[in-house]
Amino acid sequence: MQPNPDILRFINLANQHYLTRFGNCGVFAVALHQVFGEGEFLIVENDVSPDKCYHVAYRKDGIIYDGTGVIESEEELLCYGFDENFPDSLAKILELPASEDFYRYIIRGSDHSQQPEDFTGLLK
């Protein structure tokens, strides 16, 4: 399956205006869900700090997206466990259906400087 070009355009637009990573990945994943609908949230967490989301991505039609674009595999996503250069063996992926029920969990577990509305507002 090929990446959705509309999602890739939205990621590009968002990156022109805001930081979509480094604490904002969770709110950006929420924004992706708000714009593109049904999918899953993939949350990288670990047993050391189970209440912290180390990275959050959005999967739609089998393709994993985050603020960088497309993540090729769940193994690559796990590299966001602590530090991109030194992945921790305790990192794991929590898969949740993308829904409003999980927004607060994701946003609370993120160290964000933006809100989902900052990203979705770019489309107005």
N, C-alpha and C. Protein backbone atom coordinates (compact mmCIF):
# COMPACT_ATOMS: atom_id res chain seq x y z
N MET A 1 0.84 -1.18 0.00
CA MET A 1 0.00 0.00 0.00
C MET A 1 0.89 1.25 0.00
N GLN A 2 0.48 2.23 -0.72
CA GLN A 2 1.21 3.50 -0.82
C GLN A 2 0.74 4.48 0.26
N PRO A 3 1.63 5.33 0.75
CA PRO A 3 1.21 6.36 1.71
C PRO A 3 0.15 7.27 1.11
N ASN A 4 -0.73 7.75 1.94
CA ASN A 4 -1.80 8.65 1.53
C ASN A 4 -1.19 10.03 1.22
N PRO A 5 -1.31 10.51 -0.02
CA PRO A 5 -0.70 11.80 -0.37
C PRO A 5 -1.31 12.98 0.39
N ASP A 6 -2.58 12.89 0.77
CA ASP A 6 -3.19 13.97 1.55
C ASP A 6 -2.58 14.04 2.95
N ILE A 7 -2.31 12.88 3.53
CA ILE A 7 -1.67 12.87 4.85
C ILE A 7 -0.26 13.44 4.74
N LEU A 8 0.48 13.05 3.71
CA LEU A 8 1.84 13.56 3.54
C LEU A 8 1.85 15.08 3.31
N ARG A 9 0.87 15.59 2.57
CA ARG A 9 0.77 17.05 2.37
C ARG A 9 0.47 17.75 3.70
N PHE A 10 -0.40 17.16 4.51
CA PHE A 10 -0.72 17.74 5.81
C PHE A 10 0.51 17.76 6.72
N ILE A 11 1.28 16.68 6.72
CA ILE A 11 2.50 16.62 7.52
C ILE A 11 3.47 17.71 7.07
N ASN A 12 3.63 17.87 5.78
CA ASN A 12 4.51 18.90 5.24
C ASN A 12 4.03 20.29 5.65
N LEU A 13 2.74 20.55 5.51
CA LEU A 13 2.18 21.84 5.90
C LEU A 13 2.40 22.11 7.39
N ALA A 14 2.14 21.11 8.21
CA ALA A 14 2.31 21.28 9.65
C ALA A 14 3.76 21.60 10.00
N ASN A 15 4.69 20.95 9.34
CA ASN A 15 6.11 21.18 9.61
C ASN A 15 6.58 22.56 9.16
N GLN A 16 5.87 23.18 8.25
CA GLN A 16 6.22 24.53 7.83
C GLN A 16 5.87 25.57 8.90
N HIS A 17 4.98 25.20 9.81
CA HIS A 17 4.49 26.16 10.80
C HIS A 17 4.81 25.82 12.24
N TYR A 18 4.93 24.54 12.55
CA TYR A 18 5.10 24.10 13.94
C TYR A 18 6.08 22.95 14.03
N LEU A 19 6.55 22.71 15.24
CA LEU A 19 7.36 21.55 15.53
C LEU A 19 6.42 20.37 15.77
N THR A 20 6.51 19.33 14.96
CA THR A 20 5.59 18.20 15.07
C THR A 20 6.17 17.05 15.87
N ARG A 21 7.39 17.21 16.34
CA ARG A 21 8.05 16.15 17.11
C ARG A 21 8.53 16.72 18.43
N PHE A 22 9.35 15.95 19.13
CA PHE A 22 9.98 16.39 20.37
C PHE A 22 8.95 16.94 21.36
N GLY A 23 8.03 16.09 21.75
CA GLY A 23 7.00 16.47 22.70
C GLY A 23 5.67 16.76 22.06
N ASN A 24 5.68 17.15 20.81
CA ASN A 24 4.43 17.45 20.10
C ASN A 24 3.92 16.26 19.28
N CYS A 25 4.62 15.13 19.32
CA CYS A 25 4.21 13.99 18.49
C CYS A 25 2.81 13.50 18.87
N GLY A 26 2.49 13.52 20.16
CA GLY A 26 1.18 13.05 20.60
C GLY A 26 0.06 13.93 20.12
N VAL A 27 0.21 15.24 20.30
CA VAL A 27 -0.85 16.14 19.85
C VAL A 27 -0.94 16.13 18.32
N PHE A 28 0.18 15.89 17.64
CA PHE A 28 0.13 15.80 16.18
C PHE A 28 -0.59 14.52 15.75
N ALA A 29 -0.37 13.42 16.45
CA ALA A 29 -1.10 12.18 16.14
C ALA A 29 -2.60 12.38 16.34
N VAL A 30 -2.97 13.10 17.39
CA VAL A 30 -4.38 13.41 17.63
C VAL A 30 -4.92 14.24 16.46
N ALA A 31 -4.15 15.23 16.02
CA ALA A 31 -4.58 16.07 14.89
C ALA A 31 -4.74 15.23 13.63
N LEU A 32 -3.82 14.30 13.38
CA LEU A 32 -3.95 13.42 12.22
C LEU A 32 -5.27 12.65 12.28
N HIS A 33 -5.60 12.15 13.47
CA HIS A 33 -6.87 11.43 13.62
C HIS A 33 -8.06 12.35 13.39
N GLN A 34 -7.99 13.55 13.92
CA GLN A 34 -9.10 14.49 13.75
C GLN A 34 -9.34 14.82 12.28
N VAL A 35 -8.28 14.88 11.50
CA VAL A 35 -8.41 15.23 10.09
C VAL A 35 -8.71 14.00 9.22
N PHE A 36 -8.07 12.88 9.49
CA PHE A 36 -8.15 11.74 8.58
C PHE A 36 -8.96 10.55 9.10
N GLY A 37 -9.46 10.65 10.32
CA GLY A 37 -10.40 9.66 10.83
C GLY A 37 -9.79 8.34 11.25
N GLU A 38 -10.60 7.31 11.14
CA GLU A 38 -10.33 5.98 11.67
C GLU A 38 -8.89 5.53 11.42
N GLY A 39 -8.30 4.96 12.45
CA GLY A 39 -6.94 4.45 12.41
C GLY A 39 -6.56 3.96 13.79
N GLU A 40 -5.27 3.86 14.05
CA GLU A 40 -4.79 3.48 15.37
C GLU A 40 -3.70 4.45 15.83
N PHE A 41 -3.62 4.61 17.15
CA PHE A 41 -2.50 5.30 17.76
C PHE A 41 -1.49 4.24 18.15
N LEU A 42 -0.23 4.47 17.85
CA LEU A 42 0.87 3.59 18.27
C LEU A 42 1.71 4.41 19.24
N ILE A 43 1.73 3.97 20.48
CA ILE A 43 2.40 4.72 21.54
C ILE A 43 3.61 3.93 22.00
N VAL A 44 4.78 4.54 21.90
CA VAL A 44 6.00 3.91 22.39
C VAL A 44 6.13 4.26 23.86
N GLU A 45 6.16 3.24 24.67
CA GLU A 45 6.31 3.43 26.11
C GLU A 45 7.27 2.38 26.63
N ASN A 46 7.54 2.42 27.92
CA ASN A 46 8.39 1.40 28.51
C ASN A 46 7.98 1.19 29.96
N ASP A 47 8.47 0.10 30.54
CA ASP A 47 8.09 -0.25 31.90
C ASP A 47 8.73 0.65 32.95
N VAL A 48 9.78 1.36 32.59
CA VAL A 48 10.45 2.25 33.54
C VAL A 48 9.56 3.45 33.85
N SER A 49 8.96 4.03 32.85
CA SER A 49 8.07 5.19 33.00
C SER A 49 6.77 4.92 32.24
N PRO A 50 5.91 4.05 32.78
CA PRO A 50 4.72 3.66 32.02
C PRO A 50 3.71 4.77 31.78
N ASP A 51 3.83 5.89 32.50
CA ASP A 51 2.88 6.98 32.30
C ASP A 51 3.36 8.00 31.29
N LYS A 52 4.52 7.75 30.67
CA LYS A 52 5.07 8.68 29.70
C LYS A 52 4.99 8.09 28.30
N CYS A 53 4.55 8.89 27.36
CA CYS A 53 4.55 8.49 25.95
C CYS A 53 5.86 8.99 25.34
N TYR A 54 6.73 8.06 24.97
CA TYR A 54 8.01 8.46 24.39
C TYR A 54 7.87 8.88 22.93
N HIS A 55 6.94 8.28 22.26
CA HIS A 55 6.63 8.71 20.90
C HIS A 55 5.23 8.21 20.58
N VAL A 56 4.50 8.99 19.80
CA VAL A 56 3.16 8.61 19.37
C VAL A 56 3.09 8.77 17.86
N ALA A 57 2.57 7.75 17.22
CA ALA A 57 2.37 7.78 15.77
C ALA A 57 0.91 7.40 15.49
N TYR A 58 0.53 7.60 14.26
CA TYR A 58 -0.84 7.32 13.80
C TYR A 58 -0.74 6.35 12.63
N ARG A 59 -1.48 5.25 12.73
CA ARG A 59 -1.47 4.28 11.63
C ARG A 59 -2.83 4.31 10.93
N LYS A 60 -2.78 4.48 9.63
CA LYS A 60 -3.99 4.53 8.80
C LYS A 60 -3.76 3.61 7.61
N ASP A 61 -4.67 2.68 7.42
CA ASP A 61 -4.58 1.73 6.29
C ASP A 61 -3.23 1.02 6.24
N GLY A 62 -2.69 0.68 7.42
CA GLY A 62 -1.45 -0.08 7.50
C GLY A 62 -0.18 0.74 7.39
N ILE A 63 -0.27 2.05 7.17
CA ILE A 63 0.90 2.93 7.04
C ILE A 63 1.03 3.72 8.35
N ILE A 64 2.25 3.78 8.87
CA ILE A 64 2.52 4.50 10.12
C ILE A 64 3.04 5.89 9.78
N TYR A 65 2.40 6.92 10.36
CA TYR A 65 2.77 8.31 10.12
C TYR A 65 3.12 8.99 11.44
N ASP A 66 4.05 9.91 11.36
CA ASP A 66 4.30 10.85 12.45
C ASP A 66 4.76 12.16 11.82
N GLY A 67 5.29 13.06 12.62
CA GLY A 67 5.69 14.37 12.10
C GLY A 67 6.83 14.33 11.12
N THR A 68 7.53 13.21 11.01
CA THR A 68 8.62 13.09 10.03
C THR A 68 8.13 12.57 8.69
N GLY A 69 6.93 12.03 8.66
CA GLY A 69 6.39 11.43 7.44
C GLY A 69 5.97 10.00 7.71
N VAL A 70 6.53 9.06 6.96
CA VAL A 70 6.19 7.65 7.09
C VAL A 70 7.27 6.94 7.89
N ILE A 71 6.84 6.16 8.86
CA ILE A 71 7.74 5.27 9.60
C ILE A 71 7.57 3.90 8.96
N GLU A 72 8.66 3.31 8.53
CA GLU A 72 8.61 2.10 7.70
C GLU A 72 8.13 0.84 8.42
N SER A 73 8.34 0.76 9.74
CA SER A 73 7.98 -0.46 10.46
C SER A 73 7.81 -0.18 11.95
N GLU A 74 7.21 -1.12 12.65
CA GLU A 74 7.11 -0.99 14.10
C GLU A 74 8.49 -1.09 14.75
N GLU A 75 9.39 -1.84 14.14
CA GLU A 75 10.76 -1.94 14.67
C GLU A 75 11.43 -0.56 14.63
N GLU A 76 11.23 0.16 13.54
CA GLU A 76 11.77 1.52 13.45
C GLU A 76 11.12 2.42 14.51
N LEU A 77 9.82 2.27 14.69
CA LEU A 77 9.11 3.07 15.69
C LEU A 77 9.66 2.81 17.08
N LEU A 78 10.04 1.58 17.39
CA LEU A 78 10.59 1.25 18.71
C LEU A 78 11.89 2.00 19.00
N CYS A 79 12.58 2.44 17.98
CA CYS A 79 13.82 3.19 18.18
C CYS A 79 13.57 4.53 18.86
N TYR A 80 12.31 4.94 18.95
CA TYR A 80 11.97 6.18 19.64
C TYR A 80 11.74 5.94 21.13
N GLY A 81 12.15 4.76 21.65
CA GLY A 81 11.89 4.39 23.03
C GLY A 81 12.46 5.34 24.05
N PHE A 82 13.67 5.77 23.89
CA PHE A 82 14.28 6.77 24.76
C PHE A 82 14.97 7.82 23.92
N ASP A 83 15.85 7.38 23.06
CA ASP A 83 16.65 8.26 22.24
C ASP A 83 16.84 7.56 20.90
N GLU A 84 16.74 8.29 19.83
CA GLU A 84 16.83 7.67 18.51
C GLU A 84 18.15 6.92 18.31
N ASN A 85 19.22 7.36 18.96
CA ASN A 85 20.52 6.73 18.79
C ASN A 85 20.75 5.57 19.74
N PHE A 86 20.02 5.53 20.86
CA PHE A 86 20.23 4.50 21.87
C PHE A 86 18.89 3.91 22.30
N PRO A 87 18.26 3.11 21.42
CA PRO A 87 16.96 2.55 21.79
C PRO A 87 17.08 1.63 23.00
N ASP A 88 16.09 1.66 23.85
CA ASP A 88 16.11 0.86 25.07
C ASP A 88 15.37 -0.45 24.82
N SER A 89 15.89 -1.53 25.31
CA SER A 89 15.27 -2.84 25.09
C SER A 89 13.93 -2.97 25.80
N LEU A 90 13.62 -2.08 26.70
CA LEU A 90 12.34 -2.12 27.40
C LEU A 90 11.22 -1.42 26.66
N ALA A 91 11.54 -0.77 25.58
CA ALA A 91 10.51 -0.05 24.82
C ALA A 91 9.52 -1.04 24.23
N LYS A 92 8.26 -0.65 24.24
CA LYS A 92 7.20 -1.47 23.65
C LYS A 92 6.16 -0.55 23.04
N ILE A 93 5.34 -1.12 22.18
CA ILE A 93 4.32 -0.35 21.49
C ILE A 93 2.95 -0.72 22.04
N LEU A 94 2.24 0.28 22.46
CA LEU A 94 0.86 0.13 22.87
C LEU A 94 -0.01 0.58 21.70
N GLU A 95 -0.86 -0.31 21.21
CA GLU A 95 -1.75 0.01 20.10
C GLU A 95 -3.14 0.31 20.65
N LEU A 96 -3.65 1.47 20.29
CA LEU A 96 -4.99 1.88 20.72
C LEU A 96 -5.78 2.33 19.51
N PRO A 97 -7.07 2.04 19.49
CA PRO A 97 -7.86 2.59 18.38
C PRO A 97 -7.83 4.11 18.45
N ALA A 98 -7.67 4.74 17.31
CA ALA A 98 -7.66 6.21 17.30
C ALA A 98 -9.08 6.67 17.59
N SER A 99 -9.26 7.25 18.76
CA SER A 99 -10.57 7.77 19.14
C SER A 99 -10.38 8.84 20.19
N GLU A 100 -11.40 9.65 20.36
CA GLU A 100 -11.35 10.72 21.36
C GLU A 100 -11.15 10.18 22.76
N ASP A 101 -11.52 8.92 22.99
CA ASP A 101 -11.38 8.32 24.31
C ASP A 101 -9.94 8.34 24.80
N PHE A 102 -8.98 8.35 23.89
CA PHE A 102 -7.57 8.26 24.27
C PHE A 102 -6.81 9.58 24.13
N TYR A 103 -7.47 10.64 23.70
CA TYR A 103 -6.79 11.93 23.54
C TYR A 103 -6.14 12.38 24.84
N ARG A 104 -6.88 12.36 25.92
CA ARG A 104 -6.35 12.87 27.18
C ARG A 104 -5.15 12.06 27.65
N TYR A 105 -5.19 10.73 27.49
CA TYR A 105 -4.07 9.87 27.86
C TYR A 105 -2.81 10.27 27.08
N ILE A 106 -2.98 10.46 25.78
CA ILE A 106 -1.84 10.81 24.93
C ILE A 106 -1.32 12.21 25.25
N ILE A 107 -2.20 13.16 25.36
CA ILE A 107 -1.78 14.54 25.61
C ILE A 107 -1.15 14.67 27.00
N ARG A 108 -1.71 14.00 28.00
CA ARG A 108 -1.15 14.06 29.35
C ARG A 108 0.23 13.42 29.40
N GLY A 109 0.46 12.39 28.58
CA GLY A 109 1.75 11.69 28.58
C GLY A 109 2.80 12.33 27.70
N SER A 110 2.46 13.47 27.09
CA SER A 110 3.38 14.16 26.18
C SER A 110 3.87 15.46 26.80
N ASP A 111 5.05 15.86 26.41
CA ASP A 111 5.61 17.15 26.84
C ASP A 111 5.45 18.11 25.67
N HIS A 112 4.23 18.60 25.47
CA HIS A 112 3.90 19.33 24.24
C HIS A 112 3.87 20.84 24.44
N SER A 113 4.13 21.54 23.34
CA SER A 113 4.04 22.99 23.33
C SER A 113 2.93 23.48 22.39
N GLN A 114 2.33 22.56 21.64
CA GLN A 114 1.23 22.88 20.72
C GLN A 114 -0.02 22.15 21.18
N GLN A 115 -1.13 22.48 20.55
CA GLN A 115 -2.39 21.78 20.75
C GLN A 115 -2.84 21.20 19.41
N PRO A 116 -3.67 20.16 19.41
CA PRO A 116 -4.13 19.61 18.13
C PRO A 116 -4.77 20.67 17.23
N GLU A 117 -5.46 21.62 17.83
CA GLU A 117 -6.12 22.68 17.06
C GLU A 117 -5.14 23.55 16.29
N ASP A 118 -3.91 23.67 16.80
CA ASP A 118 -2.89 24.43 16.06
C ASP A 118 -2.66 23.80 14.69
N PHE A 119 -2.60 22.48 14.67
CA PHE A 119 -2.36 21.76 13.41
C PHE A 119 -3.61 21.72 12.54
N THR A 120 -4.74 21.36 13.12
CA THR A 120 -5.96 21.25 12.32
C THR A 120 -6.39 22.61 11.80
N GLY A 121 -6.07 23.69 12.53
CA GLY A 121 -6.42 25.05 12.11
C GLY A 121 -5.71 25.48 10.84
N LEU A 122 -4.63 24.80 10.50
CA LEU A 122 -3.91 25.14 9.26
C LEU A 122 -4.74 24.83 8.02
N LEU A 123 -5.75 24.00 8.16
CA LEU A 123 -6.57 23.60 7.02
C LEU A 123 -7.73 24.55 6.78
N LYS A 124 -7.92 25.51 7.64
CA LYS A 124 -9.06 26.44 7.50
C LYS A 124 -8.70 27.65 6.69
